[in-house]
Amino acid sequence: MKIMGLDIGEKKIGIAVSDIDEKLAIPLSVIDIDNKITYNLKKLIETNGIKTIIVGMPYTLRGEMGQQADK
């Protein structure tokens, strides 16, 4: 099983995918947050055989939830 990790920003989403053993996260791509986002994510999920998606929680260096977490 492969896992996809999403790092959601203001204008872009960073995407990483695990190896087949789920031990390493490998950077895959960065996509724009636009009207094609659903299509682009679906294509990456299907192409890479993703079974689970994890969304990162943006914490500050103090360990508190950051501004992006509120959004």
PDB file of N, CA and C in Angstrom:
ATOM      1  N   MET A   1       0.842  -1.180   0.000  1.00  0.00           N
ATOM      2  CA  MET A   1       0.000   0.000   0.000  1.00  0.00           C
ATOM      3  C   MET A   1       0.886   1.242   0.000  1.00  0.00           C
ATOM      4  N   LYS A   2       0.502   2.253  -0.738  1.00  0.00           N
ATOM      5  CA  LYS A   2       1.256   3.501  -0.785  1.00  0.00           C
ATOM      6  C   LYS A   2       0.430   4.614  -0.150  1.00  0.00           C
ATOM      7  N   ILE A   3       1.137   5.536   0.479  1.00  0.00           N
ATOM      8  CA  ILE A   3       0.521   6.657   1.166  1.00  0.00           C
ATOM      9  C   ILE A   3       0.954   7.946   0.485  1.00  0.00           C
ATOM     10  N   MET A   4       0.014   8.877   0.347  1.00  0.00           N
ATOM     11  CA  MET A   4       0.321  10.191  -0.203  1.00  0.00           C
ATOM     12  C   MET A   4       0.216  11.211   0.926  1.00  0.00           C
ATOM     13  N   GLY A   5       1.227  12.061   1.036  1.00  0.00           N
ATOM     14  CA  GLY A   5       1.217  13.135   2.017  1.00  0.00           C
ATOM     15  C   GLY A   5       1.034  14.466   1.315  1.00  0.00           C
ATOM     16  N   LEU A   6       0.145  15.307   1.869  1.00  0.00           N
ATOM     17  CA  LEU A   6      -0.120  16.615   1.285  1.00  0.00           C
ATOM     18  C   LEU A   6       0.310  17.708   2.250  1.00  0.00           C
ATOM     19  N   ASP A   7       1.026  18.684   1.731  1.00  0.00           N
ATOM     20  CA  ASP A   7       1.425  19.874   2.482  1.00  0.00           C
ATOM     21  C   ASP A   7       0.730  21.049   1.790  1.00  0.00           C
ATOM     22  N   ILE A   8      -0.381  21.493   2.371  1.00  0.00           N
ATOM     23  CA  ILE A   8      -1.230  22.477   1.720  1.00  0.00           C
ATOM     24  C   ILE A   8      -0.812  23.893   2.092  1.00  0.00           C
ATOM     25  N   GLY A   9      -0.495  24.668   1.076  1.00  0.00           N
ATOM     26  CA  GLY A   9      -0.117  26.061   1.267  1.00  0.00           C
ATOM     27  C   GLY A   9      -1.192  26.995   0.752  1.00  0.00           C
ATOM     28  N   GLU A  10      -0.831  28.257   0.589  1.00  0.00           N
ATOM     29  CA  GLU A  10      -1.778  29.267   0.098  1.00  0.00           C
ATOM     30  C   GLU A  10      -2.138  29.059  -1.372  1.00  0.00           C
ATOM     31  N   LYS A  11      -1.122  28.799  -2.195  1.00  0.00           N
ATOM     32  CA  LYS A  11      -1.341  28.711  -3.635  1.00  0.00           C
ATOM     33  C   LYS A  11      -0.953  27.372  -4.240  1.00  0.00           C
ATOM     34  N   LYS A  12      -0.227  26.561  -3.464  1.00  0.00           N
ATOM     35  CA  LYS A  12       0.273  25.291  -3.986  1.00  0.00           C
ATOM     36  C   LYS A  12       0.149  24.192  -2.940  1.00  0.00           C
ATOM     37  N   ILE A  13       0.188  22.942  -3.416  1.00  0.00           N
ATOM     38  CA  ILE A  13       0.186  21.777  -2.534  1.00  0.00           C
ATOM     39  C   ILE A  13       1.429  20.959  -2.845  1.00  0.00           C
ATOM     40  N   GLY A  14       2.245  20.726  -1.820  1.00  0.00           N
ATOM     41  CA  GLY A  14       3.390  19.848  -1.963  1.00  0.00           C
ATOM     42  C   GLY A  14       2.933  18.410  -1.754  1.00  0.00           C
ATOM     43  N   ILE A  15       3.417  17.520  -2.605  1.00  0.00           N
ATOM     44  CA  ILE A  15       2.972  16.128  -2.559  1.00  0.00           C
ATOM     45  C   ILE A  15       4.173  15.201  -2.437  1.00  0.00           C
ATOM     46  N   ALA A  16       4.055  14.277  -1.487  1.00  0.00           N
ATOM     47  CA  ALA A  16       5.063  13.228  -1.317  1.00  0.00           C
ATOM     48  C   ALA A  16       4.332  11.886  -1.304  1.00  0.00           C
ATOM     49  N   VAL A  17       5.043  10.837  -1.710  1.00  0.00           N
ATOM     50  CA  VAL A  17       4.475   9.494  -1.763  1.00  0.00           C
ATOM     51  C   VAL A  17       5.413   8.545  -1.034  1.00  0.00           C
ATOM     52  N   SER A  18       4.830   7.608  -0.301  1.00  0.00           N
ATOM     53  CA  SER A  18       5.662   6.637   0.409  1.00  0.00           C
ATOM     54  C   SER A  18       6.182   5.577  -0.554  1.00  0.00           C
ATOM     55  N   ASP A  19       7.222   4.888  -0.105  1.00  0.00           N
ATOM     56  CA  ASP A  19       7.653   3.703  -0.837  1.00  0.00           C
ATOM     57  C   ASP A  19       6.634   2.596  -0.538  1.00  0.00           C
ATOM     58  N   ILE A  20       6.775   1.471  -1.187  1.00  0.00           N
ATOM     59  CA  ILE A  20       5.810   0.377  -1.039  1.00  0.00           C
ATOM     60  C   ILE A  20       5.776  -0.177   0.387  1.00  0.00           C
ATOM     61  N   ASP A  21       6.897  -0.054   1.117  1.00  0.00           N
ATOM     62  CA  ASP A  21       6.963  -0.538   2.493  1.00  0.00           C
ATOM     63  C   ASP A  21       6.484   0.498   3.510  1.00  0.00           C
ATOM     64  N   GLU A  22       6.111   1.655   3.046  1.00  0.00           N
ATOM     65  CA  GLU A  22       5.625   2.762   3.879  1.00  0.00           C
ATOM     66  C   GLU A  22       6.660   3.237   4.898  1.00  0.00           C
ATOM     67  N   LYS A  23       7.926   3.192   4.514  1.00  0.00           N
ATOM     68  CA  LYS A  23       8.994   3.613   5.423  1.00  0.00           C
ATOM     69  C   LYS A  23       9.626   4.935   5.030  1.00  0.00           C
ATOM     70  N   LEU A  24       9.566   5.274   3.748  1.00  0.00           N
ATOM     71  CA  LEU A  24      10.177   6.507   3.257  1.00  0.00           C
ATOM     72  C   LEU A  24       9.150   7.362   2.533  1.00  0.00           C
ATOM     73  N   ALA A  25       9.234   8.658   2.727  1.00  0.00           N
ATOM     74  CA  ALA A  25       8.422   9.596   1.956  1.00  0.00           C
ATOM     75  C   ALA A  25       9.310  10.216   0.886  1.00  0.00           C
ATOM     76  N   ILE A  26       8.865  10.149  -0.331  1.00  0.00           N
ATOM     77  CA  ILE A  26       9.642  10.625  -1.464  1.00  0.00           C
ATOM     78  C   ILE A  26       8.892  11.798  -2.102  1.00  0.00           C
ATOM     79  N   PRO A  27       9.529  12.969  -2.217  1.00  0.00           N
ATOM     80  CA  PRO A  27       8.845  14.094  -2.868  1.00  0.00           C
ATOM     81  C   PRO A  27       8.408  13.718  -4.274  1.00  0.00           C
ATOM     82  N   LEU A  28       7.176  14.079  -4.613  1.00  0.00           N
ATOM     83  CA  LEU A  28       6.645  13.728  -5.928  1.00  0.00           C
ATOM     84  C   LEU A  28       6.456  14.953  -6.804  1.00  0.00           C
ATOM     85  N   SER A  29       5.708  15.924  -6.319  1.00  0.00           N
ATOM     86  CA  SER A  29       5.462  17.114  -7.128  1.00  0.00           C
ATOM     87  C   SER A  29       4.842  18.226  -6.300  1.00  0.00           C
ATOM     88  N   VAL A  30       4.642  19.335  -6.953  1.00  0.00           N
ATOM     89  CA  VAL A  30       3.927  20.480  -6.389  1.00  0.00           C
ATOM     90  C   VAL A  30       2.865  20.846  -7.408  1.00  0.00           C
ATOM     91  N   ILE A  31       1.619  20.989  -6.939  1.00  0.00           N
ATOM     92  CA  ILE A  31       0.550  21.374  -7.867  1.00  0.00           C
ATOM     93  C   ILE A  31      -0.093  22.677  -7.397  1.00  0.00           C
ATOM     94  N   ASP A  32      -0.627  23.396  -8.360  1.00  0.00           N
ATOM     95  CA  ASP A  32      -1.301  24.658  -8.066  1.00  0.00           C
ATOM     96  C   ASP A  32      -2.695  24.397  -7.502  1.00  0.00           C
ATOM     97  N   ILE A  33      -3.114  25.276  -6.605  1.00  0.00           N
ATOM     98  CA  ILE A  33      -4.486  25.252  -6.127  1.00  0.00           C
ATOM     99  C   ILE A  33      -5.280  26.120  -7.100  1.00  0.00           C
ATOM    100  N   ASP A  34      -5.960  25.450  -8.020  1.00  0.00           N
ATOM    101  CA  ASP A  34      -6.738  26.143  -9.043  1.00  0.00           C
ATOM    102  C   ASP A  34      -7.955  25.303  -9.392  1.00  0.00           C
ATOM    103  N   ASN A  35      -8.602  25.619 -10.495  1.00  0.00           N
ATOM    104  CA  ASN A  35      -9.818  24.893 -10.855  1.00  0.00           C
ATOM    105  C   ASN A  35      -9.555  23.481 -11.375  1.00  0.00           C
ATOM    106  N   LYS A  36      -8.297  23.092 -11.538  1.00  0.00           N
ATOM    107  CA  LYS A  36      -7.944  21.745 -11.986  1.00  0.00           C
ATOM    108  C   LYS A  36      -7.429  20.864 -10.844  1.00  0.00           C
ATOM    109  N   ILE A  37      -7.523  21.340  -9.613  1.00  0.00           N
ATOM    110  CA  ILE A  37      -6.915  20.632  -8.490  1.00  0.00           C
ATOM    111  C   ILE A  37      -7.490  19.227  -8.300  1.00  0.00           C
ATOM    112  N   THR A  38      -8.807  19.078  -8.420  1.00  0.00           N
ATOM    113  CA  THR A  38      -9.431  17.761  -8.244  1.00  0.00           C
ATOM    114  C   THR A  38      -8.935  16.794  -9.305  1.00  0.00           C
ATOM    115  N   TYR A  39      -8.911  17.241 -10.537  1.00  0.00           N
ATOM    116  CA  TYR A  39      -8.427  16.406 -11.638  1.00  0.00           C
ATOM    117  C   TYR A  39      -6.962  16.011 -11.418  1.00  0.00           C
ATOM    118  N   ASN A  40      -6.124  16.993 -11.063  1.00  0.00           N
ATOM    119  CA  ASN A  40      -4.697  16.727 -10.881  1.00  0.00           C
ATOM    120  C   ASN A  40      -4.435  15.763  -9.728  1.00  0.00           C
ATOM    121  N   LEU A  41      -5.131  15.944  -8.599  1.00  0.00           N
ATOM    122  CA  LEU A  41      -4.954  15.027  -7.466  1.00  0.00           C
ATOM    123  C   LEU A  41      -5.431  13.618  -7.823  1.00  0.00           C
ATOM    124  N   LYS A  42      -6.585  13.524  -8.452  1.00  0.00           N
ATOM    125  CA  LYS A  42      -7.119  12.213  -8.839  1.00  0.00           C
ATOM    126  C   LYS A  42      -6.153  11.477  -9.763  1.00  0.00           C
ATOM    127  N   LYS A  43      -5.584  12.198 -10.705  1.00  0.00           N
ATOM    128  CA  LYS A  43      -4.627  11.602 -11.646  1.00  0.00           C
ATOM    129  C   LYS A  43      -3.391  11.067 -10.903  1.00  0.00           C
ATOM    130  N   LEU A  44      -2.860  11.858  -9.950  1.00  0.00           N
ATOM    131  CA  LEU A  44      -1.700  11.413  -9.178  1.00  0.00           C
ATOM    132  C   LEU A  44      -2.034  10.210  -8.302  1.00  0.00           C
ATOM    133  N   ILE A  45      -3.235  10.197  -7.716  1.00  0.00           N
ATOM    134  CA  ILE A  45      -3.660   9.077  -6.869  1.00  0.00           C
ATOM    135  C   ILE A  45      -3.748   7.800  -7.698  1.00  0.00           C
ATOM    136  N   GLU A  46      -4.374   7.875  -8.841  1.00  0.00           N
ATOM    137  CA  GLU A  46      -4.522   6.699  -9.703  1.00  0.00           C
ATOM    138  C   GLU A  46      -3.185   6.230 -10.262  1.00  0.00           C
ATOM    139  N   THR A  47      -2.359   7.147 -10.719  1.00  0.00           N
ATOM    140  CA  THR A  47      -1.063   6.815 -11.322  1.00  0.00           C
ATOM    141  C   THR A  47      -0.124   6.137 -10.336  1.00  0.00           C
ATOM    142  N   ASN A  48      -0.182   6.557  -9.060  1.00  0.00           N
ATOM    143  CA  ASN A  48       0.752   6.052  -8.059  1.00  0.00           C
ATOM    144  C   ASN A  48       0.177   4.969  -7.156  1.00  0.00           C
ATOM    145  N   GLY A  49      -1.039   4.536  -7.399  1.00  0.00           N
ATOM    146  CA  GLY A  49      -1.641   3.458  -6.613  1.00  0.00           C
ATOM    147  C   GLY A  49      -1.811   3.830  -5.143  1.00  0.00           C
ATOM    148  N   ILE A  50      -2.278   5.013  -4.876  1.00  0.00           N
ATOM    149  CA  ILE A  50      -2.419   5.515  -3.507  1.00  0.00           C
ATOM    150  C   ILE A  50      -3.651   4.912  -2.852  1.00  0.00           C
ATOM    151  N   LYS A  51      -3.501   4.457  -1.608  1.00  0.00           N
ATOM    152  CA  LYS A  51      -4.617   3.900  -0.837  1.00  0.00           C
ATOM    153  C   LYS A  51      -4.982   4.769   0.360  1.00  0.00           C
ATOM    154  N   THR A  52      -4.047   5.601   0.826  1.00  0.00           N
ATOM    155  CA  THR A  52      -4.271   6.456   1.986  1.00  0.00           C
ATOM    156  C   THR A  52      -3.677   7.830   1.716  1.00  0.00           C
ATOM    157  N   ILE A  53      -4.382   8.869   2.186  1.00  0.00           N
ATOM    158  CA  ILE A  53      -3.889  10.240   2.048  1.00  0.00           C
ATOM    159  C   ILE A  53      -3.785  10.862   3.431  1.00  0.00           C
ATOM    160  N   ILE A  54      -2.649  11.496   3.692  1.00  0.00           N
ATOM    161  CA  ILE A  54      -2.414  12.184   4.958  1.00  0.00           C
ATOM    162  C   ILE A  54      -2.194  13.660   4.652  1.00  0.00           C
ATOM    163  N   VAL A  55      -2.889  14.508   5.419  1.00  0.00           N
ATOM    164  CA  VAL A  55      -2.737  15.952   5.245  1.00  0.00           C
ATOM    165  C   VAL A  55      -1.947  16.486   6.432  1.00  0.00           C
ATOM    166  N   GLY A  56      -0.862  17.195   6.153  1.00  0.00           N
ATOM    167  CA  GLY A  56      -0.014  17.740   7.202  1.00  0.00           C
ATOM    168  C   GLY A  56      -0.700  18.869   7.959  1.00  0.00           C
ATOM    169  N   MET A  57      -0.458  18.931   9.273  1.00  0.00           N
ATOM    170  CA  MET A  57      -0.975  20.017  10.101  1.00  0.00           C
ATOM    171  C   MET A  57       0.139  21.036  10.274  1.00  0.00           C
ATOM    172  N   PRO A  58      -0.070  22.265   9.830  1.00  0.00           N
ATOM    173  CA  PRO A  58       0.990  23.273   9.884  1.00  0.00           C
ATOM    174  C   PRO A  58       1.169  23.881  11.279  1.00  0.00           C
ATOM    175  N   TYR A  59       2.179  23.435  11.975  1.00  0.00           N
ATOM    176  CA  TYR A  59       2.518  23.962  13.293  1.00  0.00           C
ATOM    177  C   TYR A  59       3.634  24.998  13.177  1.00  0.00           C
ATOM    178  N   THR A  60       3.672  25.916  14.119  1.00  0.00           N
ATOM    179  CA  THR A  60       4.757  26.898  14.172  1.00  0.00           C
ATOM    180  C   THR A  60       5.966  26.237  14.835  1.00  0.00           C
ATOM    181  N   LEU A  61       7.077  26.931  14.868  1.00  0.00           N
ATOM    182  CA  LEU A  61       8.265  26.399  15.527  1.00  0.00           C
ATOM    183  C   LEU A  61       8.055  26.271  17.041  1.00  0.00           C
ATOM    184  N   ARG A  62       7.059  26.948  17.580  1.00  0.00           N
ATOM    185  CA  ARG A  62       6.718  26.838  19.004  1.00  0.00           C
ATOM    186  C   ARG A  62       5.832  25.624  19.295  1.00  0.00           C
ATOM    187  N   GLY A  63       5.409  24.911  18.259  1.00  0.00           N
ATOM    188  CA  GLY A  63       4.550  23.759  18.439  1.00  0.00           C
ATOM    189  C   GLY A  63       3.071  24.109  18.498  1.00  0.00           C
ATOM    190  N   GLU A  64       2.729  25.332  18.109  1.00  0.00           N
ATOM    191  CA  GLU A  64       1.347  25.779  18.097  1.00  0.00           C
ATOM    192  C   GLU A  64       0.810  25.689  16.660  1.00  0.00           C
ATOM    193  N   MET A  65      -0.522  25.595  16.545  1.00  0.00           N
ATOM    194  CA  MET A  65      -1.103  25.583  15.213  1.00  0.00           C
ATOM    195  C   MET A  65      -0.886  26.938  14.559  1.00  0.00           C
ATOM    196  N   GLY A  66      -0.425  26.924  13.301  1.00  0.00           N
ATOM    197  CA  GLY A  66      -0.122  28.147  12.583  1.00  0.00           C
ATOM    198  C   GLY A  66      -1.340  28.733  11.882  1.00  0.00           C
ATOM    199  N   GLN A  67      -1.144  29.840  11.194  1.00  0.00           N
ATOM    200  CA  GLN A  67      -2.221  30.523  10.481  1.00  0.00           C
ATOM    201  C   GLN A  67      -2.862  29.643   9.420  1.00  0.00           C
ATOM    202  N   GLN A  68      -2.044  28.883   8.726  1.00  0.00           N
ATOM    203  CA  GLN A  68      -2.570  28.024   7.656  1.00  0.00           C
ATOM    204  C   GLN A  68      -3.495  26.949   8.237  1.00  0.00           C
ATOM    205  N   ALA A  69      -3.257  26.509   9.472  1.00  0.00           N
ATOM    206  CA  ALA A  69      -4.121  25.510  10.111  1.00  0.00           C
ATOM    207  C   ALA A  69      -5.527  26.056  10.308  1.00  0.00           C
ATOM    208  N   ASP A  70      -5.654  27.332  10.589  1.00  0.00           N
ATOM    209  CA  ASP A  70      -6.970  27.947  10.767  1.00  0.00           C
ATOM    210  C   ASP A  70      -7.767  27.938   9.467  1.00  0.00           C
ATOM    211  N   LYS A  71      -7.073  28.034   8.356  1.00  0.00           N
ATOM    212  CA  LYS A  71      -7.755  28.063   7.066  1.00  0.00           C
ATOM    213  C   LYS A  71      -8.229  26.697   6.701  1.00  0.00           C
TER     214      LYS A  71
END
